[in-house]
Every structure is written in C-alpha cells, then in structure tokens.
Amino acid sequence: MYGQFLLSLAALSVIVFIHEFGHYITARWSGVGIEVFSVGFGKILHSFVDKRGTKWQFCAIPLGGYVHPKDSDNNKVVGSKFKEAGTTRGVLVAIAGPMFNFISAFLCIAVLAFTFGFPQFSSKIAEILPNSSAIGKLLPGDTILKINDQEIVDSLVINVKDPIVTIEREGKVLQFQLQKPQSESYKILLENRFQKMGLISAIANAFWYVVNGIYDSLSRVWKAIASLNLMGPIGIMKTGMQVQKHGLAAFIIFIANISIAIGALNLLPVPLLDGGRILIFLISAIIRRPIPAIYEKGLVYISVGILAAIFAIGFFVDIKGLIR
C-alpha cells in the first residue's frame, strides 16, 4: 500500500514538474528571467542558485510547485521582466506549461499504443470500489448493456440519477437500479482492453486522445464545480493507487489523463492560472497598453477567492472520501 501511495505521489509530482519546466525552459528561450523554480510547497528542504540567478528550491510538500518569473530590477537574475516580454513571448511562456503536459500525455499514449496497445472501450466491469451503491448488485465480470433505455456502444457516461442498469452475467440479462446522491460517483471501474498499433496509427490515435481529453477535462471541470464534486490531490492519489492494481498500462493511461486534466485546468481564464495570464496579455495587445495595475490587482484578488473556493471544495470531498 505504501509503495502504491509513493508511486502515485511521485507520478503527480513529475506531472507538475513537467508543467513548470515548460514555463521555465520557454522563458529561458524567450529571454525572460526566472527568479524562483519551486518543486513543492511549504518548508524549503534544500535550495541553490544557478549561474543565471534562478533559485531552485525543493519543499516539504511535493504536491505542486511554481515558477516565479522576474518582476523586479534584480540584476542577479539573467533575463528581462515577464511583464516587459511583449504579447508573443508572454503568451508563449504562459501556454508552455499546459503544452508540456499535453505533449507528455501524447508521448505516453503513443508509446503505449505502439509497444503494448491503444486503450479500447469496454463496458465490462473490472472492480466495484468501496462505498459504491453498486455493491450487492453489480459484480466484476458483468457487462453493462444499457443505462435506462440507452444502449452502450463506444462510451459509458452515467449522468442521470438512480439509473436502471441492464447487464449481462453468465449469459443472463439482468436489471438493477442504482442509487446515487447527486454529488457522488458510482465508483465503478471498467476493464482495460488494448489494441497494438503501427507507428502512424499510434501517433494519430494519441493525438486525438489528447484533443478529446482536453475537451472532456474542461467540460468535467465546469460540471464538477456546479455539483461541488471536485477531486483534490488526495483523491487523485487514491485513484492512482486503485488503478495500479490493474497493471502498468492502466497506470500510464491514468498518468496521461491527469497530465491532460492539469494542462486543461490551467487554461481556464483565471488570472492566477496560465489562461488568465494569456488573457491579460491579449487584452493588453488589443487596447495597446498594459492593463491598469489597480484593475489587474482586483482580478488577482477575485481569482484568489475563486481558486481558494475550488481547492476548499476539493479538500472537503477528499476528506469526506477518507472518512467513509
């Protein structure tokens, strides 16, 4: 169990590091200075300053990190200020983090499809997680045929409350009604199936996997916020521990999905996120002058409130999941 926890923690930390490294390396290529590259949050365990004046620090809580671009007249930091980078360079630096997430997810899926196989949809149940309303009704090995009157063809999304689920079990067709509070999932894991592909097919399928993943991640974020059912870091690691039981390929897909989700989340037009930085640069380009500091400061305060609320909901959902 501890090994699964540490592996999930390491995977999440690497995903965040890749995101922040995208910002860092693109800033360097663009001539923008970086004052701090932090791996994790909280108490600093170790730090050093490189020859370009960037402080690298490793912190006690490895659930995240950040890159702080140059915003002062610190001559020890090589490069220009981020706000003076101009629209093109500023947008490139801001979008680089999510793009590195998408590229790493693409590489994971492409290599997996070429060497082991591309994930194929299956409606066969692999596992019923603890506290699921399906316990005592559905079993591992059951094949889901219908949700209410909707036949299952190439995807399974249960977005209705108290559905009637039609399954096939040992040649028999059975029906069960599941109960679910509006803010919780059904906690059903489906079987993983894979189809090995040639190089071109692997690349093409990996590309569309990431594109569809970005769309799905953004749509799920809004639904999760509306239903107060966000998953925080603890929930992500718990899911990662469950997925590891189904093999390396399933865990690689999990890593790719989380990487896509983190990249997509950061594209939301909230000032403290990458999407918000991009929006500010674009607005400045349209009005041909920097946004007045008082307005930008106000947007930052609003975004702090929004993100604090989102993280609080995620933390609450995680704790509620641990108590059950």
Protein backbone atom coordinates (compact mmCIF):
# COMPACT_ATOMS: atom_id res chain seq x y z
CA MET A 1 0.00 0.00 0.00
CA TYR A 2 2.80 2.42 0.91
CA GLY A 3 4.53 1.59 -2.37
CA GLN A 4 1.36 2.39 -4.33
CA PHE A 5 0.97 5.66 -2.40
CA LEU A 6 4.56 6.71 -3.08
CA LEU A 7 4.27 5.81 -6.77
CA SER A 8 1.07 7.87 -7.13
CA LEU A 9 2.71 10.77 -5.26
CA ALA A 10 5.80 10.55 -7.49
CA ALA A 11 3.65 10.48 -10.64
CA LEU A 12 1.70 13.58 -9.57
CA SER A 13 4.93 15.40 -8.65
CA VAL A 14 6.52 14.57 -12.03
CA ILE A 15 3.43 15.81 -13.89
CA VAL A 16 3.57 19.15 -12.05
CA PHE A 17 7.36 19.38 -12.54
CA ILE A 18 6.92 18.88 -16.31
CA HIS A 19 4.32 21.65 -16.35
CA GLU A 20 6.56 24.11 -14.51
CA PHE A 21 9.64 23.10 -16.50
CA GLY A 22 7.68 24.01 -19.65
CA HIS A 23 7.32 27.56 -18.31
CA TYR A 24 10.96 27.68 -17.21
CA ILE A 25 12.63 26.47 -20.40
CA THR A 26 10.37 28.57 -22.67
CA ALA A 27 11.11 31.64 -20.55
CA ARG A 28 14.84 30.99 -20.95
CA TRP A 29 14.47 30.56 -24.73
CA SER A 30 12.45 33.80 -24.82
CA GLY A 31 14.95 35.80 -22.77
CA VAL A 32 12.65 36.13 -19.73
CA GLY A 33 14.33 35.84 -16.33
CA ILE A 34 13.18 33.30 -13.72
CA GLU A 35 13.67 34.23 -10.07
CA VAL A 36 12.39 31.03 -8.42
CA PHE A 37 11.70 27.45 -9.55
CA SER A 38 9.96 25.69 -6.66
CA VAL A 39 9.34 21.95 -6.53
CA GLY A 40 6.54 21.56 -3.99
CA PHE A 41 5.21 23.89 -1.30
CA GLY A 42 5.80 24.56 2.38
CA LYS A 43 9.11 24.44 4.24
CA ILE A 44 12.17 24.62 1.99
CA LEU A 45 14.29 21.49 2.48
CA HIS A 46 17.07 22.39 0.04
CA SER A 47 17.83 25.25 -2.32
CA PHE A 48 20.58 26.61 -4.53
CA VAL A 49 21.06 29.46 -7.00
CA ASP A 50 22.29 28.64 -10.51
CA LYS A 51 24.57 30.77 -12.69
CA ARG A 52 21.57 32.59 -14.22
CA GLY A 53 20.41 33.78 -10.79
CA THR A 54 17.46 31.38 -10.56
CA LYS A 55 16.78 29.98 -7.10
CA TRP A 56 15.88 26.28 -7.24
CA GLN A 57 14.09 25.09 -4.09
CA PHE A 58 12.74 21.71 -3.00
CA CYS A 59 9.96 21.85 -0.42
CA ALA A 60 8.40 19.52 2.13
CA ILE A 61 5.00 19.13 0.41
CA PRO A 62 5.62 17.72 -3.09
CA LEU A 63 2.04 18.31 -4.29
CA GLY A 64 2.67 21.05 -6.81
CA GLY A 65 5.21 23.74 -7.49
CA TYR A 66 5.60 27.04 -9.26
CA VAL A 67 7.86 29.18 -11.43
CA HIS A 68 8.21 32.84 -10.46
CA PRO A 69 9.28 35.00 -13.44
CA LYS A 70 11.42 38.05 -12.93
CA ASP A 71 9.30 41.05 -11.89
CA SER A 72 11.91 43.30 -10.25
CA ASP A 73 15.16 45.06 -11.14
CA ASN A 74 17.22 42.21 -9.69
CA ASN A 75 20.37 42.32 -11.81
CA LYS A 76 21.50 38.95 -10.48
CA VAL A 77 18.71 37.25 -12.46
CA VAL A 78 19.56 36.95 -16.16
CA GLY A 79 16.74 37.98 -18.50
CA SER A 80 14.00 40.58 -18.87
CA LYS A 81 10.93 41.12 -16.68
CA PHE A 82 7.92 38.94 -17.55
CA LYS A 83 5.60 41.96 -17.91
CA GLU A 84 8.02 43.50 -20.39
CA ALA A 85 8.23 40.35 -22.53
CA GLY A 86 5.61 41.52 -25.03
CA THR A 87 2.48 39.71 -26.17
CA THR A 88 4.10 36.95 -28.25
CA ARG A 89 6.79 35.95 -25.75
CA GLY A 90 4.43 36.35 -22.80
CA VAL A 91 1.77 34.11 -24.34
CA LEU A 92 4.40 31.52 -25.31
CA VAL A 93 5.77 31.36 -21.75
CA ALA A 94 2.26 31.15 -20.24
CA ILE A 95 0.97 28.45 -22.61
CA ALA A 96 4.16 26.36 -22.44
CA GLY A 97 3.20 24.69 -19.14
CA PRO A 98 -0.09 23.22 -20.41
CA MET A 99 1.55 22.35 -23.76
CA PHE A 100 4.28 20.35 -21.99
CA ASN A 101 1.51 18.48 -20.13
CA PHE A 102 -0.26 17.70 -23.40
CA ILE A 103 2.97 16.65 -25.13
CA SER A 104 3.97 14.34 -22.27
CA ALA A 105 0.48 12.77 -22.31
CA PHE A 106 0.73 12.35 -26.09
CA LEU A 107 4.10 10.59 -25.74
CA CYS A 108 2.75 8.28 -23.01
CA ILE A 109 -0.23 7.20 -25.13
CA ALA A 110 1.74 6.96 -28.41
CA VAL A 111 4.47 4.77 -26.88
CA LEU A 112 1.87 2.65 -25.08
CA ALA A 113 -0.16 2.14 -28.29
CA PHE A 114 2.94 1.19 -30.30
CA THR A 115 4.53 -1.14 -27.75
CA PHE A 116 1.60 -2.59 -25.79
CA GLY A 117 -1.66 -1.41 -27.31
CA PHE A 118 -4.09 1.50 -27.55
CA PRO A 119 -6.88 1.57 -24.95
CA GLN A 120 -10.18 0.31 -26.36
CA PHE A 121 -13.59 0.91 -24.83
CA SER A 122 -15.04 -1.90 -22.76
CA SER A 123 -18.27 -1.93 -20.74
CA LYS A 124 -17.15 -4.99 -18.76
CA ILE A 125 -16.80 -4.24 -15.04
CA ALA A 126 -13.33 -4.79 -13.58
CA GLU A 127 -13.91 -3.64 -9.99
CA ILE A 128 -16.57 -2.15 -7.71
CA LEU A 129 -14.89 0.35 -5.39
CA PRO A 130 -15.70 0.61 -1.67
CA ASN A 131 -18.85 2.59 -0.73
CA SER A 132 -20.31 2.19 -4.23
CA SER A 133 -24.09 1.94 -4.49
CA ALA A 134 -23.47 -0.90 -6.98
CA ILE A 135 -22.19 -3.24 -4.22
CA GLY A 136 -24.52 -6.19 -3.85
CA LYS A 137 -26.00 -5.58 -7.29
CA LEU A 138 -23.26 -5.45 -9.91
CA LEU A 139 -20.24 -7.78 -9.92
CA PRO A 140 -16.78 -7.77 -11.54
CA GLY A 141 -17.17 -9.55 -14.87
CA ASP A 142 -20.64 -8.13 -15.58
CA THR A 143 -21.03 -6.42 -18.97
CA ILE A 144 -23.13 -3.24 -18.94
CA LEU A 145 -25.57 -3.29 -21.87
CA LYS A 146 -27.84 -0.30 -21.18
CA ILE A 147 -28.24 2.70 -18.90
CA ASN A 148 -32.02 3.17 -18.71
CA ASP A 149 -33.00 2.71 -22.38
CA GLN A 150 -29.67 3.94 -23.81
CA GLU A 151 -27.56 1.17 -25.33
CA ILE A 152 -23.82 1.22 -24.58
CA VAL A 153 -21.79 1.34 -27.81
CA ASP A 154 -18.45 3.14 -27.54
CA SER A 155 -18.60 5.10 -24.28
CA LEU A 156 -20.13 4.93 -20.82
CA VAL A 157 -21.20 8.10 -19.06
CA ILE A 158 -23.75 7.77 -16.26
CA ASN A 159 -25.10 11.31 -15.93
CA VAL A 160 -28.57 10.53 -14.57
CA LYS A 161 -29.66 9.92 -11.00
CA ASP A 162 -30.90 6.48 -9.91
CA PRO A 163 -30.47 4.79 -13.32
CA ILE A 164 -31.72 1.35 -14.26
CA VAL A 165 -28.65 -0.60 -15.39
CA THR A 166 -29.04 -3.59 -17.73
CA ILE A 167 -26.19 -6.10 -17.56
CA GLU A 168 -25.20 -9.48 -18.93
CA ARG A 169 -23.96 -12.04 -16.38
CA GLU A 170 -23.08 -15.60 -17.34
CA GLY A 171 -25.40 -15.47 -20.35
CA LYS A 172 -28.31 -13.97 -18.42
CA VAL A 173 -29.65 -10.41 -18.86
CA LEU A 174 -30.39 -8.72 -15.52
CA GLN A 175 -31.51 -5.26 -14.42
CA PHE A 176 -30.65 -3.29 -11.29
CA GLN A 177 -31.44 0.23 -10.15
CA LEU A 178 -28.57 2.17 -8.62
CA GLN A 179 -28.98 4.97 -6.12
CA LYS A 180 -26.52 7.85 -6.06
CA PRO A 181 -26.51 11.22 -4.29
CA GLN A 182 -26.15 13.92 -6.93
CA SER A 183 -22.63 14.88 -5.74
CA GLU A 184 -21.01 11.42 -5.78
CA SER A 185 -19.77 8.99 -8.43
CA TYR A 186 -20.86 5.38 -8.85
CA LYS A 187 -17.29 4.14 -8.19
CA ILE A 188 -17.27 1.51 -10.93
CA LEU A 189 -14.04 0.65 -12.74
CA LEU A 190 -14.29 -0.83 -16.23
CA GLU A 191 -11.97 -3.41 -17.76
CA ASN A 192 -8.98 -2.17 -19.75
CA ARG A 193 -8.57 -3.54 -23.28
CA PHE A 194 -5.70 -2.73 -25.62
CA GLN A 195 -5.05 -2.97 -29.36
CA LYS A 196 -1.43 -2.84 -30.56
CA MET A 197 -0.87 -0.38 -33.43
CA GLY A 198 1.69 0.61 -36.03
CA LEU A 199 3.71 3.79 -35.58
CA ILE A 200 1.50 6.09 -37.70
CA SER A 201 -1.74 4.79 -36.18
CA ALA A 202 -0.26 5.10 -32.68
CA ILE A 203 0.69 8.74 -33.30
CA ALA A 204 -2.70 9.62 -34.83
CA ASN A 205 -4.69 7.93 -32.06
CA ALA A 206 -2.53 9.51 -29.36
CA PHE A 207 -3.10 12.97 -30.90
CA TRP A 208 -6.89 12.60 -30.91
CA TYR A 209 -6.81 11.03 -27.44
CA VAL A 210 -5.21 14.22 -26.10
CA VAL A 211 -7.55 16.53 -28.07
CA ASN A 212 -10.64 14.71 -26.81
CA GLY A 213 -9.12 14.58 -23.33
CA ILE A 214 -8.73 18.37 -23.24
CA TYR A 215 -12.39 18.84 -24.21
CA ASP A 216 -13.58 16.24 -21.70
CA SER A 217 -11.43 17.72 -18.91
CA LEU A 218 -12.76 21.25 -19.42
CA SER A 219 -16.39 20.10 -19.58
CA ARG A 220 -15.94 17.96 -16.45
CA VAL A 221 -14.38 20.86 -14.53
CA TRP A 222 -17.48 23.00 -15.01
CA LYS A 223 -19.79 20.09 -14.11
CA ALA A 224 -17.67 19.26 -11.06
CA ILE A 225 -17.77 22.87 -9.84
CA ALA A 226 -21.53 23.04 -10.40
CA SER A 227 -22.11 19.78 -8.48
CA LEU A 228 -19.48 20.54 -5.79
CA ASN A 229 -17.77 17.24 -6.65
CA LEU A 230 -14.15 18.21 -7.31
CA MET A 231 -11.31 15.79 -6.71
CA GLY A 232 -8.27 17.12 -4.85
CA PRO A 233 -4.70 15.75 -4.65
CA ILE A 234 -5.67 13.13 -2.05
CA GLY A 235 -8.48 11.87 -4.28
CA ILE A 236 -6.13 11.75 -7.28
CA MET A 237 -3.60 9.68 -5.34
CA LYS A 238 -6.31 7.33 -4.05
CA THR A 239 -7.49 6.79 -7.62
CA GLY A 240 -3.88 6.21 -8.72
CA MET A 241 -3.48 3.55 -6.02
CA GLN A 242 -6.63 1.78 -7.23
CA VAL A 243 -5.55 1.95 -10.87
CA GLN A 244 -2.14 0.40 -10.10
CA LYS A 245 -3.93 -2.86 -9.26
CA HIS A 246 -4.80 -3.21 -12.95
CA GLY A 247 -1.25 -3.09 -14.26
CA LEU A 248 1.37 -0.73 -15.67
CA ALA A 249 -0.57 0.08 -18.85
CA ALA A 250 -3.60 1.25 -16.86
CA PHE A 251 -1.36 3.39 -14.64
CA ILE A 252 0.29 5.01 -17.68
CA ILE A 253 -3.17 5.92 -19.01
CA PHE A 254 -4.01 7.36 -15.59
CA ILE A 255 -0.83 9.50 -15.67
CA ALA A 256 -1.67 10.71 -19.19
CA ASN A 257 -5.24 11.60 -18.15
CA ILE A 258 -4.09 13.55 -15.07
CA SER A 259 -1.48 15.37 -17.16
CA ILE A 260 -4.16 16.37 -19.68
CA ALA A 261 -6.50 17.47 -16.89
CA ILE A 262 -3.85 19.63 -15.19
CA GLY A 263 -2.92 21.25 -18.50
CA ALA A 264 -6.57 21.91 -19.38
CA LEU A 265 -7.37 23.28 -15.91
CA ASN A 266 -4.52 25.77 -16.21
CA LEU A 267 -6.01 27.12 -19.46
CA LEU A 268 -9.08 28.46 -17.63
CA PRO A 269 -9.19 32.29 -17.94
CA VAL A 270 -8.49 32.92 -14.24
CA PRO A 271 -5.69 35.49 -13.65
CA LEU A 272 -3.57 33.28 -11.35
CA LEU A 273 -3.70 30.43 -13.90
CA ASP A 274 -1.92 30.30 -17.25
CA GLY A 275 -5.14 31.00 -19.13
CA GLY A 276 -5.60 34.19 -17.12
CA ARG A 277 -2.06 35.34 -17.93
CA ILE A 278 -2.70 34.71 -21.61
CA LEU A 279 -5.97 36.68 -21.41
CA ILE A 280 -4.22 39.65 -19.76
CA PHE A 281 -1.52 39.71 -22.46
CA LEU A 282 -4.14 39.55 -25.22
CA ILE A 283 -6.27 42.33 -23.67
CA SER A 284 -3.15 44.50 -23.33
CA ALA A 285 -2.36 43.88 -27.01
CA ILE A 286 -5.92 44.83 -28.05
CA ILE A 287 -6.03 48.07 -26.04
CA ARG A 288 -2.34 48.70 -26.91
CA ARG A 289 -1.30 49.43 -23.35
CA PRO A 290 -0.86 47.49 -20.11
CA ILE A 291 -3.99 46.88 -18.06
CA PRO A 292 -4.04 49.45 -15.22
CA ALA A 293 -2.41 47.97 -12.12
CA ILE A 294 -5.49 48.58 -9.94
CA TYR A 295 -7.69 46.51 -12.29
CA GLU A 296 -5.15 43.72 -12.62
CA LYS A 297 -4.77 43.64 -8.82
CA GLY A 298 -8.54 43.39 -8.46
CA LEU A 299 -8.68 40.49 -10.92
CA VAL A 300 -5.95 38.72 -8.94
CA TYR A 301 -7.92 39.10 -5.69
CA ILE A 302 -11.05 37.72 -7.36
CA SER A 303 -9.13 34.78 -8.81
CA VAL A 304 -7.58 34.03 -5.40
CA GLY A 305 -11.10 33.77 -4.00
CA ILE A 306 -12.25 31.51 -6.86
CA LEU A 307 -9.24 29.18 -6.62
CA ALA A 308 -9.43 29.09 -2.81
CA ALA A 309 -13.08 28.02 -3.07
CA ILE A 310 -12.23 25.35 -5.67
CA PHE A 311 -9.38 23.93 -3.58
CA ALA A 312 -11.54 24.03 -0.44
CA ILE A 313 -14.25 22.00 -2.21
CA GLY A 314 -11.67 19.52 -3.46
CA PHE A 315 -10.18 19.20 0.03
CA PHE A 316 -13.66 18.70 1.55
CA VAL A 317 -14.52 15.98 -0.99
CA ASP A 318 -11.15 14.26 -0.32
CA ILE A 319 -11.66 14.29 3.47
CA LYS A 320 -15.23 13.05 3.10
CA GLY A 321 -13.90 10.19 0.97
CA LEU A 322 -11.28 9.30 3.60
CA ILE A 323 -13.86 9.28 6.43
CA ARG A 324 -16.14 6.85 4.58
